[in-house]
Amino acid sequence: PGTGGAVVGGMPHVSSSPNIAGWRGAGGGGGGGGDKKASSRTDSGSASDSEGGGDPTSQEIVLTPGQKVVAGTRLFMWTGVLCFATACAYYIGKELLPSKMSPNTVFDGAFDVIRENEDVKRRFGAPLKAYGRDHGGHREGRRNFVEHTEYTDKDDGSKRTRVRFNLEGQHGQAFVFAEVSSDMPSGEFVYVLVQDKRNGRVFTVIDNRSALMAKRMAGGSKEGMEAFSNLLSGGGGGSKK
């Protein structure tokens, strides 16, 4: 009585509809919470993707230490190859297109002058041949190494190239000494000297050292050079009576 339930077999029957409804309400609330959690996980995943840079293909390539070593080795190797090729091109061009100051040019020019000198031909005999450093064997030839020295003259500041090579004829052998200056025209020499190997006698083929000294002391003026040349040669500067 008072519960509103029917009596079945002497026992009151309590309706369970409100409790089921309440349980369903709680369950529904729990399901709603589950949906919120899933939605929260989806939102957090989207945020993580946006913070990670989006498309993974746009990320920079990171090399491992081993790959860095390989890349550095290759770079070093190609740099060395480039430097070697540049040096080879420089020396090949220098040999094919020699300047007036190159040792081979001085060698060729000096030998051309010596071949026309009568004193040298008379002493050593014709035909004459010239070659570079003597190695004590049969290696004579124009392609042998020509001993040379390149320096800057301390008096006039000009660049100089000095060479020494061997001369040989039917009657003997000699050393040839020749020098050129950057201040002189191509084909001219500071000196060309031939020294007999047997007795040390020196044949002067060309010697412009006095003229260069006169030019330097005269300051480059024509009148001063002529006056100084006359003084060196013993020329009289007095008036005739």
C-alpha atoms as a PDB file:
ATOM      1  CA  PRO A   1       0.000   0.000   0.000  1.00  0.00           C
ATOM      2  CA  GLY A   2       1.188   3.451  -0.782  1.00  0.00           C
ATOM      3  CA  THR A   3       3.683   2.161  -3.340  1.00  0.00           C
ATOM      4  CA  GLY A   4       1.251   1.942  -6.198  1.00  0.00           C
ATOM      5  CA  GLY A   5       2.377  -1.566  -7.042  1.00  0.00           C
ATOM      6  CA  ALA A   6       0.175  -4.601  -7.510  1.00  0.00           C
ATOM      7  CA  VAL A   7       0.235  -7.502  -5.093  1.00  0.00           C
ATOM      8  CA  VAL A   8       1.268 -10.727  -6.758  1.00  0.00           C
ATOM      9  CA  GLY A   9       1.245 -13.892  -4.663  1.00  0.00           C
ATOM     10  CA  GLY A  10       1.159 -11.873  -1.458  1.00  0.00           C
ATOM     11  CA  MET A  11       4.347  -9.963  -2.334  1.00  0.00           C
ATOM     12  CA  PRO A  12       4.278  -6.430  -3.508  1.00  0.00           C
ATOM     13  CA  HIS A  13       5.693  -5.921  -7.050  1.00  0.00           C
ATOM     14  CA  VAL A  14       7.821  -2.802  -7.400  1.00  0.00           C
ATOM     15  CA  SER A  15       8.074  -1.353 -10.882  1.00  0.00           C
ATOM     16  CA  SER A  16      11.627  -1.026 -12.078  1.00  0.00           C
ATOM     17  CA  SER A  17      10.987   1.395 -14.941  1.00  0.00           C
ATOM     18  CA  PRO A  18      12.338   4.478 -13.168  1.00  0.00           C
ATOM     19  CA  ASN A  19      15.574   2.651 -12.270  1.00  0.00           C
ATOM     20  CA  ILE A  20      16.029   1.424 -15.834  1.00  0.00           C
ATOM     21  CA  ALA A  21      15.460   4.901 -17.086  1.00  0.00           C
ATOM     22  CA  GLY A  22      17.954   6.216 -14.570  1.00  0.00           C
ATOM     23  CA  TRP A  23      20.471   3.569 -15.614  1.00  0.00           C
ATOM     24  CA  ARG A  24      19.931   4.414 -19.213  1.00  0.00           C
ATOM     25  CA  GLY A  25      20.438   8.059 -18.354  1.00  0.00           C
ATOM     26  CA  ALA A  26      23.680   7.301 -16.613  1.00  0.00           C
ATOM     27  CA  GLY A  27      24.739   5.076 -19.459  1.00  0.00           C
ATOM     28  CA  GLY A  28      23.820   7.756 -21.903  1.00  0.00           C
ATOM     29  CA  GLY A  29      25.849  10.203 -19.927  1.00  0.00           C
ATOM     30  CA  GLY A  30      28.777   7.815 -19.990  1.00  0.00           C
ATOM     31  CA  GLY A  31      28.392   7.395 -23.737  1.00  0.00           C
ATOM     32  CA  GLY A  32      28.395  11.125 -24.164  1.00  0.00           C
ATOM     33  CA  GLY A  33      31.604  11.320 -22.187  1.00  0.00           C
ATOM     34  CA  GLY A  34      33.123   8.662 -24.439  1.00  0.00           C
ATOM     35  CA  ASP A  35      32.197  10.685 -27.515  1.00  0.00           C
ATOM     36  CA  LYS A  36      33.805  13.761 -25.986  1.00  0.00           C
ATOM     37  CA  LYS A  37      36.980  11.813 -25.254  1.00  0.00           C
ATOM     38  CA  ALA A  38      37.153  10.490 -28.834  1.00  0.00           C
ATOM     39  CA  SER A  39      36.585  13.956 -30.172  1.00  0.00           C
ATOM     40  CA  SER A  40      39.313  15.268 -27.896  1.00  0.00           C
ATOM     41  CA  ARG A  41      41.721  12.613 -29.140  1.00  0.00           C
ATOM     42  CA  THR A  42      40.910  13.468 -32.762  1.00  0.00           C
ATOM     43  CA  ASP A  43      41.457  17.183 -32.151  1.00  0.00           C
ATOM     44  CA  SER A  44      44.765  16.561 -30.388  1.00  0.00           C
ATOM     45  CA  GLY A  45      45.915  14.318 -33.261  1.00  0.00           C
ATOM     46  CA  SER A  46      45.102  17.030 -35.792  1.00  0.00           C
ATOM     47  CA  ALA A  47      46.998  19.588 -33.736  1.00  0.00           C
ATOM     48  CA  SER A  48      50.013  17.260 -33.578  1.00  0.00           C
ATOM     49  CA  ASP A  49      49.958  16.828 -37.358  1.00  0.00           C
ATOM     50  CA  SER A  50      49.816  20.578 -37.865  1.00  0.00           C
ATOM     51  CA  GLU A  51      52.702  21.126 -35.452  1.00  0.00           C
ATOM     52  CA  GLY A  52      54.802  18.352 -37.099  1.00  0.00           C
ATOM     53  CA  GLY A  53      55.004  20.203 -40.410  1.00  0.00           C
ATOM     54  CA  GLY A  54      52.163  18.560 -42.274  1.00  0.00           C
ATOM     55  CA  ASP A  55      53.526  16.752 -45.347  1.00  0.00           C
ATOM     56  CA  PRO A  56      56.514  14.557 -44.306  1.00  0.00           C
ATOM     57  CA  THR A  57      58.045  14.850 -47.820  1.00  0.00           C
ATOM     58  CA  SER A  58      58.793  18.554 -47.225  1.00  0.00           C
ATOM     59  CA  GLN A  59      61.145  17.854 -44.341  1.00  0.00           C
ATOM     60  CA  GLU A  60      64.936  18.350 -44.787  1.00  0.00           C
ATOM     61  CA  ILE A  61      67.143  15.315 -45.406  1.00  0.00           C
ATOM     62  CA  VAL A  62      69.353  14.585 -42.408  1.00  0.00           C
ATOM     63  CA  LEU A  63      72.618  12.794 -43.209  1.00  0.00           C
ATOM     64  CA  THR A  64      74.086  10.216 -40.920  1.00  0.00           C
ATOM     65  CA  PRO A  65      77.722  10.632 -39.782  1.00  0.00           C
ATOM     66  CA  GLY A  66      78.817   7.992 -42.273  1.00  0.00           C
ATOM     67  CA  GLN A  67      77.085   9.780 -45.140  1.00  0.00           C
ATOM     68  CA  LYS A  68      78.700  13.072 -44.097  1.00  0.00           C
ATOM     69  CA  VAL A  69      82.145  11.454 -44.233  1.00  0.00           C
ATOM     70  CA  VAL A  70      81.466  10.069 -47.710  1.00  0.00           C
ATOM     71  CA  ALA A  71      80.208  13.441 -48.968  1.00  0.00           C
ATOM     72  CA  GLY A  72      83.226  15.262 -47.525  1.00  0.00           C
ATOM     73  CA  THR A  73      85.618  12.742 -49.083  1.00  0.00           C
ATOM     74  CA  ARG A  74      84.042  13.161 -52.497  1.00  0.00           C
ATOM     75  CA  LEU A  75      84.181  16.954 -52.231  1.00  0.00           C
ATOM     76  CA  PHE A  76      87.857  16.842 -51.256  1.00  0.00           C
ATOM     77  CA  MET A  77      88.650  14.441 -54.102  1.00  0.00           C
ATOM     78  CA  TRP A  78      86.972  16.591 -56.773  1.00  0.00           C
ATOM     79  CA  THR A  79      88.677  19.724 -55.422  1.00  0.00           C
ATOM     80  CA  GLY A  80      92.054  18.001 -55.760  1.00  0.00           C
ATOM     81  CA  VAL A  81      91.244  16.872 -59.306  1.00  0.00           C
ATOM     82  CA  LEU A  82      90.267  20.428 -60.256  1.00  0.00           C
ATOM     83  CA  CYS A  83      93.490  21.883 -58.800  1.00  0.00           C
ATOM     84  CA  PHE A  84      95.600  19.280 -60.590  1.00  0.00           C
ATOM     85  CA  ALA A  85      93.871  19.947 -63.923  1.00  0.00           C
ATOM     86  CA  THR A  86      94.390  23.702 -63.500  1.00  0.00           C
ATOM     87  CA  ALA A  87      98.111  23.250 -62.779  1.00  0.00           C
ATOM     88  CA  CYS A  88      98.519  20.957 -65.801  1.00  0.00           C
ATOM     89  CA  ALA A  89      96.768  23.454 -68.058  1.00  0.00           C
ATOM     90  CA  TYR A  90      99.019  26.250 -66.785  1.00  0.00           C
ATOM     91  CA  TYR A  91     102.282  24.382 -67.436  1.00  0.00           C
ATOM     92  CA  ILE A  92     101.130  23.070 -70.795  1.00  0.00           C
ATOM     93  CA  GLY A  93     100.188  26.578 -71.871  1.00  0.00           C
ATOM     94  CA  LYS A  94     103.502  27.890 -70.595  1.00  0.00           C
ATOM     95  CA  GLU A  95     105.402  25.348 -72.687  1.00  0.00           C
ATOM     96  CA  LEU A  96     103.321  25.809 -75.820  1.00  0.00           C
ATOM     97  CA  LEU A  97     103.176  29.609 -75.578  1.00  0.00           C
ATOM     98  CA  PRO A  98     106.445  30.639 -73.902  1.00  0.00           C
ATOM     99  CA  SER A  99     107.153  34.276 -73.115  1.00  0.00           C
ATOM    100  CA  LYS A 100     110.416  36.075 -73.785  1.00  0.00           C
ATOM    101  CA  MET A 101     111.427  35.441 -70.167  1.00  0.00           C
ATOM    102  CA  SER A 102     110.940  31.669 -70.266  1.00  0.00           C
ATOM    103  CA  PRO A 103     114.116  29.552 -70.022  1.00  0.00           C
ATOM    104  CA  ASN A 104     113.428  27.748 -73.304  1.00  0.00           C
ATOM    105  CA  THR A 105     113.032  31.045 -75.167  1.00  0.00           C
ATOM    106  CA  VAL A 106     116.320  32.327 -73.745  1.00  0.00           C
ATOM    107  CA  PHE A 107     117.990  29.015 -74.636  1.00  0.00           C
ATOM    108  CA  ASP A 108     116.783  29.151 -78.259  1.00  0.00           C
ATOM    109  CA  GLY A 109     117.683  32.799 -78.734  1.00  0.00           C
ATOM    110  CA  ALA A 110     121.147  32.476 -77.229  1.00  0.00           C
ATOM    111  CA  PHE A 111     121.972  29.433 -79.328  1.00  0.00           C
ATOM    112  CA  ASP A 112     120.830  31.221 -82.493  1.00  0.00           C
ATOM    113  CA  VAL A 113     123.230  34.079 -81.690  1.00  0.00           C
ATOM    114  CA  ILE A 114     126.138  31.747 -80.867  1.00  0.00           C
ATOM    115  CA  ARG A 115     125.802  29.805 -84.119  1.00  0.00           C
ATOM    116  CA  GLU A 116     126.475  33.016 -86.040  1.00  0.00           C
ATOM    117  CA  ASN A 117     129.574  33.964 -84.049  1.00  0.00           C
ATOM    118  CA  GLU A 118     132.766  33.304 -86.045  1.00  0.00           C
ATOM    119  CA  ASP A 119     135.100  33.136 -83.036  1.00  0.00           C
ATOM    120  CA  VAL A 120     133.000  30.437 -81.405  1.00  0.00           C
ATOM    121  CA  LYS A 121     132.698  28.413 -84.611  1.00  0.00           C
ATOM    122  CA  ARG A 122     136.423  28.670 -85.243  1.00  0.00           C
ATOM    123  CA  ARG A 123     137.301  27.475 -81.752  1.00  0.00           C
ATOM    124  CA  PHE A 124     134.759  24.654 -81.309  1.00  0.00           C
ATOM    125  CA  GLY A 125     134.053  23.756 -84.910  1.00  0.00           C
ATOM    126  CA  ALA A 126     130.847  23.403 -86.855  1.00  0.00           C
ATOM    127  CA  PRO A 127     128.203  22.162 -86.675  1.00  0.00           C
ATOM    128  CA  LEU A 128     127.440  23.227 -83.110  1.00  0.00           C
ATOM    129  CA  LYS A 129     124.825  21.647 -80.916  1.00  0.00           C
ATOM    130  CA  ALA A 130     123.399  22.775 -77.583  1.00  0.00           C
ATOM    131  CA  TYR A 131     121.727  20.812 -74.823  1.00  0.00           C
ATOM    132  CA  GLY A 132     120.648  21.234 -71.244  1.00  0.00           C
ATOM    133  CA  ARG A 133     121.975  19.637 -68.093  1.00  0.00           C
ATOM    134  CA  ASP A 134     124.611  16.985 -68.730  1.00  0.00           C
ATOM    135  CA  HIS A 135     123.766  13.793 -66.857  1.00  0.00           C
ATOM    136  CA  GLY A 136     126.928  12.032 -67.896  1.00  0.00           C
ATOM    137  CA  GLY A 137     125.181   9.955 -70.541  1.00  0.00           C
ATOM    138  CA  HIS A 138     123.928  10.259 -74.085  1.00  0.00           C
ATOM    139  CA  ARG A 139     120.936  12.401 -73.228  1.00  0.00           C
ATOM    140  CA  GLU A 140     121.881  15.440 -75.202  1.00  0.00           C
ATOM    141  CA  GLY A 141     119.011  17.211 -76.880  1.00  0.00           C
ATOM    142  CA  ARG A 142     117.051  20.436 -76.880  1.00  0.00           C
ATOM    143  CA  ARG A 143     114.384  18.886 -74.694  1.00  0.00           C
ATOM    144  CA  ASN A 144     116.651  18.342 -71.714  1.00  0.00           C
ATOM    145  CA  PHE A 145     116.191  20.488 -68.654  1.00  0.00           C
ATOM    146  CA  VAL A 146     117.813  23.934 -68.996  1.00  0.00           C
ATOM    147  CA  GLU A 147     119.300  25.204 -65.755  1.00  0.00           C
ATOM    148  CA  HIS A 148     117.945  28.636 -65.021  1.00  0.00           C
ATOM    149  CA  THR A 149     117.412  31.238 -62.325  1.00  0.00           C
ATOM    150  CA  GLU A 150     114.604  33.786 -62.200  1.00  0.00           C
ATOM    151  CA  TYR A 151     115.086  36.811 -59.974  1.00  0.00           C
ATOM    152  CA  THR A 152     114.477  40.557 -59.655  1.00  0.00           C
ATOM    153  CA  ASP A 153     117.427  42.876 -60.112  1.00  0.00           C
ATOM    154  CA  LYS A 154     117.965  44.951 -56.974  1.00  0.00           C
ATOM    155  CA  ASP A 155     119.342  47.950 -58.892  1.00  0.00           C
ATOM    156  CA  ASP A 156     116.657  48.651 -61.506  1.00  0.00           C
ATOM    157  CA  GLY A 157     113.868  46.373 -60.276  1.00  0.00           C
ATOM    158  CA  SER A 158     113.599  44.516 -63.594  1.00  0.00           C
ATOM    159  CA  LYS A 159     112.820  40.831 -63.781  1.00  0.00           C
ATOM    160  CA  ARG A 160     115.721  38.698 -64.983  1.00  0.00           C
ATOM    161  CA  THR A 161     116.088  35.152 -66.322  1.00  0.00           C
ATOM    162  CA  ARG A 162     119.545  33.607 -66.349  1.00  0.00           C
ATOM    163  CA  VAL A 163     120.272  30.285 -68.051  1.00  0.00           C
ATOM    164  CA  ARG A 164     123.211  27.932 -68.409  1.00  0.00           C
ATOM    165  CA  PHE A 165     123.490  25.178 -70.988  1.00  0.00           C
ATOM    166  CA  ASN A 166     126.107  23.118 -72.805  1.00  0.00           C
ATOM    167  CA  LEU A 167     127.640  23.742 -76.194  1.00  0.00           C
ATOM    168  CA  GLU A 168     129.490  21.147 -78.210  1.00  0.00           C
ATOM    169  CA  GLY A 169     131.364  21.189 -81.501  1.00  0.00           C
ATOM    170  CA  GLN A 170     133.887  19.039 -83.321  1.00  0.00           C
ATOM    171  CA  HIS A 171     136.820  20.557 -81.413  1.00  0.00           C
ATOM    172  CA  GLY A 172     135.542  20.841 -77.875  1.00  0.00           C
ATOM    173  CA  GLN A 173     132.814  21.666 -75.405  1.00  0.00           C
ATOM    174  CA  ALA A 174     131.806  24.796 -73.536  1.00  0.00           C
ATOM    175  CA  PHE A 175     129.339  26.291 -71.084  1.00  0.00           C
ATOM    176  CA  VAL A 176     126.992  29.035 -72.272  1.00  0.00           C
ATOM    177  CA  PHE A 177     125.709  31.722 -69.896  1.00  0.00           C
ATOM    178  CA  ALA A 178     122.909  34.032 -71.025  1.00  0.00           C
ATOM    179  CA  GLU A 179     120.598  36.507 -69.312  1.00  0.00           C
ATOM    180  CA  VAL A 180     117.614  38.605 -70.366  1.00  0.00           C
ATOM    181  CA  SER A 181     115.829  41.525 -68.712  1.00  0.00           C
ATOM    182  CA  SER A 182     112.171  42.461 -68.751  1.00  0.00           C
ATOM    183  CA  ASP A 183     113.190  46.072 -69.514  1.00  0.00           C
ATOM    184  CA  MET A 184     114.830  45.060 -72.806  1.00  0.00           C
ATOM    185  CA  PRO A 185     113.013  44.290 -76.070  1.00  0.00           C
ATOM    186  CA  SER A 186     112.419  40.694 -77.049  1.00  0.00           C
ATOM    187  CA  GLY A 187     115.477  39.118 -78.654  1.00  0.00           C
ATOM    188  CA  GLU A 188     118.009  41.295 -76.807  1.00  0.00           C
ATOM    189  CA  PHE A 189     120.280  39.980 -74.064  1.00  0.00           C
ATOM    190  CA  VAL A 190     122.019  41.382 -71.033  1.00  0.00           C
ATOM    191  CA  TYR A 191     124.911  39.112 -71.958  1.00  0.00           C
ATOM    192  CA  VAL A 192     125.760  35.898 -73.791  1.00  0.00           C
ATOM    193  CA  LEU A 193     129.069  34.334 -72.742  1.00  0.00           C
ATOM    194  CA  VAL A 194     130.757  31.099 -73.847  1.00  0.00           C
ATOM    195  CA  GLN A 195     133.314  29.476 -71.528  1.00  0.00           C
ATOM    196  CA  ASP A 196     135.650  26.793 -72.808  1.00  0.00           C
ATOM    197  CA  LYS A 197     135.468  23.715 -70.587  1.00  0.00           C
ATOM    198  CA  ARG A 198     139.065  22.782 -71.328  1.00  0.00           C
ATOM    199  CA  ASN A 199     140.932  25.955 -70.309  1.00  0.00           C
ATOM    200  CA  GLY A 200     138.238  28.293 -68.926  1.00  0.00           C
ATOM    201  CA  ARG A 201     138.650  30.909 -71.659  1.00  0.00           C
ATOM    202  CA  VAL A 202     135.585  33.137 -72.059  1.00  0.00           C
ATOM    203  CA  PHE A 203     134.259  34.298 -75.420  1.00  0.00           C
ATOM    204  CA  THR A 204     132.075  37.379 -75.122  1.00  0.00           C
ATOM    205  CA  VAL A 205     129.322  37.161 -77.704  1.00  0.00           C
ATOM    206  CA  ILE A 206     127.037  39.895 -76.264  1.00  0.00           C
ATOM    207  CA  ASP A 207     127.568  42.129 -73.233  1.00  0.00           C
ATOM    208  CA  ASN A 208     125.147  44.990 -72.545  1.00  0.00           C
ATOM    209  CA  ARG A 209     125.815  45.307 -68.838  1.00  0.00           C
ATOM    210  CA  SER A 210     127.722  48.576 -69.225  1.00  0.00           C
ATOM    211  CA  ALA A 211     124.963  50.023 -71.389  1.00  0.00           C
ATOM    212  CA  LEU A 212     122.332  49.086 -68.810  1.00  0.00           C
ATOM    213  CA  MET A 213     124.426  50.651 -66.075  1.00  0.00           C
ATOM    214  CA  ALA A 214     124.796  53.808 -68.119  1.00  0.00           C
ATOM    215  CA  LYS A 215     121.051  53.918 -68.703  1.00  0.00           C
ATOM    216  CA  ARG A 216     120.365  53.498 -65.010  1.00  0.00           C
ATOM    217  CA  MET A 217     122.878  56.157 -63.921  1.00  0.00           C
ATOM    218  CA  ALA A 218     121.704  58.600 -66.590  1.00  0.00           C
ATOM    219  CA  GLY A 219     118.144  58.312 -65.404  1.00  0.00           C
ATOM    220  CA  GLY A 220     116.926  57.132 -68.800  1.00  0.00           C
ATOM    221  CA  SER A 221     117.703  60.376 -70.683  1.00  0.00           C
ATOM    222  CA  LYS A 222     119.277  60.031 -74.126  1.00  0.00           C
ATOM    223  CA  GLU A 223     121.872  62.783 -73.598  1.00  0.00           C
ATOM    224  CA  GLY A 224     122.996  61.342 -70.294  1.00  0.00           C
ATOM    225  CA  MET A 225     123.321  57.871 -71.801  1.00  0.00           C
ATOM    226  CA  GLU A 226     125.449  59.133 -74.669  1.00  0.00           C
ATOM    227  CA  ALA A 227     127.727  61.092 -72.317  1.00  0.00           C
ATOM    228  CA  PHE A 228     128.170  58.143 -70.011  1.00  0.00           C
ATOM    229  CA  SER A 229     128.795  55.774 -72.938  1.00  0.00           C
ATOM    230  CA  ASN A 230     131.476  58.089 -74.289  1.00  0.00           C
ATOM    231  CA  LEU A 231     133.076  58.195 -70.864  1.00  0.00           C
ATOM    232  CA  LEU A 232     133.129  54.397 -70.604  1.00  0.00           C
ATOM    233  CA  SER A 233     134.472  53.978 -74.139  1.00  0.00           C
ATOM    234  CA  GLY A 234     137.154  56.636 -73.646  1.00  0.00           C
ATOM    235  CA  GLY A 235     135.632  58.915 -76.283  1.00  0.00           C
ATOM    236  CA  GLY A 236     136.872  62.484 -76.173  1.00  0.00           C
ATOM    237  CA  GLY A 237     134.371  65.139 -75.406  1.00  0.00           C
ATOM    238  CA  GLY A 238     136.781  68.049 -75.958  1.00  0.00           C
ATOM    239  CA  SER A 239     136.542  70.495 -78.843  1.00  0.00           C
ATOM    240  CA  LYS A 240     138.850  70.311 -81.796  1.00  0.00           C
ATOM    241  CA  LYS A 241     141.344  73.143 -82.293  1.00  0.00           C
END
